[in-house]
Amino acid sequence: MAKERKFDFAPLPIVSDINDDIEVNASQTESNGVPTKVTFDCDYALLEKMKDYGYWEGLTQKDIILEALTRYFDNAEIRPRPDKIRNKTKVGRKPKTLVG
């Protein structure tokens, strides 16, 4: 029998929320715990190992990556970026609702 899968969908942010988030300083953003989409390249062998582990442990790839990042940064001493870099405008596509 196939596993029963349950999906949780987060609501999409409203345009005014996006603009407000850009103006909010980093300490407030960190404390809110608002999830952010992340995309990155990964070695194929490492990805397959993660999929195998997730299958047998009943975890999603998201759960595995978040746990790994949490453990990695638990004992690390991390210096914050300078405000000039932290507040730099983001480069990339504009949301479709803002393109006119």
Protein backbone atom coordinates (compact mmCIF):
# COMPACT_ATOMS: atom_id res chain seq x y z
CA MET A 1 0.00 0.00 0.00
CA ALA A 2 1.14 3.51 -0.71
CA LYS A 3 1.86 5.82 2.18
CA GLU A 4 -0.82 8.35 2.98
CA ARG A 5 0.68 11.76 2.39
CA LYS A 6 -0.54 14.94 3.99
CA PHE A 7 0.48 18.28 2.56
CA ASP A 8 0.41 21.59 4.38
CA PHE A 9 0.15 24.63 2.16
CA ALA A 10 1.22 27.99 3.51
CA PRO A 11 -0.77 31.03 2.34
CA LEU A 12 0.94 33.27 -0.22
CA PRO A 13 2.09 36.66 1.11
CA ILE A 14 0.09 39.75 0.20
CA VAL A 15 1.90 42.45 -1.82
CA SER A 16 1.79 44.91 1.09
CA ASP A 17 3.33 42.23 3.33
CA ILE A 18 6.22 41.80 0.88
CA ASN A 19 6.94 45.54 0.85
CA ASP A 20 6.72 45.69 4.66
CA ASP A 21 9.11 42.74 5.01
CA ILE A 22 11.77 44.52 2.95
CA GLU A 23 11.67 47.50 5.32
CA VAL A 24 11.71 45.43 8.53
CA ASN A 25 15.13 45.08 10.12
CA ALA A 26 16.78 41.67 10.41
CA SER A 27 16.26 41.19 14.14
CA GLN A 28 12.48 41.39 13.72
CA THR A 29 12.54 39.06 10.71
CA GLU A 30 14.54 36.46 12.62
CA SER A 31 12.21 36.55 15.59
CA ASN A 32 9.09 36.18 13.41
CA GLY A 33 10.30 32.88 11.97
CA VAL A 34 8.66 33.60 8.61
CA PRO A 35 9.64 30.82 6.17
CA THR A 36 11.60 31.78 3.06
CA LYS A 37 11.90 29.77 -0.15
CA VAL A 38 15.48 28.73 -0.95
CA THR A 39 16.82 27.17 -4.14
CA PHE A 40 20.33 25.82 -4.56
CA ASP A 41 22.35 23.31 -6.54
CA CYS A 42 23.23 20.06 -4.83
CA ASP A 43 25.52 17.17 -5.75
CA TYR A 44 23.43 14.32 -7.21
CA ALA A 45 24.96 11.63 -4.95
CA LEU A 46 24.25 13.75 -1.85
CA LEU A 47 20.68 14.34 -2.99
CA GLU A 48 20.11 10.62 -3.53
CA LYS A 49 21.53 9.86 -0.08
CA MET A 50 19.15 12.44 1.42
CA LYS A 51 16.16 10.93 -0.44
CA ASP A 52 17.07 7.43 0.78
CA TYR A 53 17.45 8.64 4.37
CA GLY A 54 14.15 10.54 4.18
CA TYR A 55 12.34 7.51 2.82
CA TRP A 56 13.44 5.18 5.61
CA GLU A 57 13.11 7.74 8.41
CA GLY A 58 9.80 9.17 7.18
CA LEU A 59 11.22 12.68 6.79
CA THR A 60 10.88 15.24 4.04
CA GLN A 61 13.88 16.79 2.32
CA LYS A 62 12.92 20.08 3.98
CA ASP A 63 13.02 18.46 7.43
CA ILE A 64 16.44 16.92 6.75
CA ILE A 65 17.97 20.16 5.47
CA LEU A 66 16.55 22.26 8.33
CA GLU A 67 17.82 19.78 10.92
CA ALA A 68 21.26 19.68 9.29
CA LEU A 69 21.49 23.49 9.19
CA THR A 70 20.34 23.77 12.80
CA ARG A 71 22.97 21.29 14.00
CA TYR A 72 25.67 22.92 11.87
CA PHE A 73 25.04 26.41 13.26
CA ASP A 74 24.38 25.40 16.90
CA ASN A 75 28.05 25.49 17.91
CA ALA A 76 29.25 28.05 15.37
CA GLU A 77 30.11 31.61 16.28
CA ILE A 78 28.42 33.74 13.63
CA ARG A 79 29.10 37.42 13.15
CA PRO A 80 26.21 39.47 11.71
CA ARG A 81 26.66 41.11 8.32
CA PRO A 82 27.21 44.89 8.25
CA ASP A 83 23.99 46.93 8.01
CA LYS A 84 25.04 48.25 4.60
CA ILE A 85 25.08 44.71 3.21
CA ARG A 86 22.05 43.49 5.19
CA ASN A 87 19.83 46.35 3.97
CA LYS A 88 20.98 46.17 0.34
CA THR A 89 18.10 45.99 -2.14
CA LYS A 90 17.41 42.53 -3.45
CA VAL A 91 18.22 41.64 -7.05
CA GLY A 92 15.95 39.39 -9.07
CA ARG A 93 12.52 39.15 -10.54
CA LYS A 94 9.80 41.38 -9.23
CA PRO A 95 6.59 39.68 -8.11
CA LYS A 96 4.05 39.53 -10.97
CA THR A 97 1.60 41.69 -9.04
CA LEU A 98 4.13 44.56 -8.94
CA VAL A 99 5.03 44.38 -12.64
CA GLY A 100 2.75 46.73 -14.45
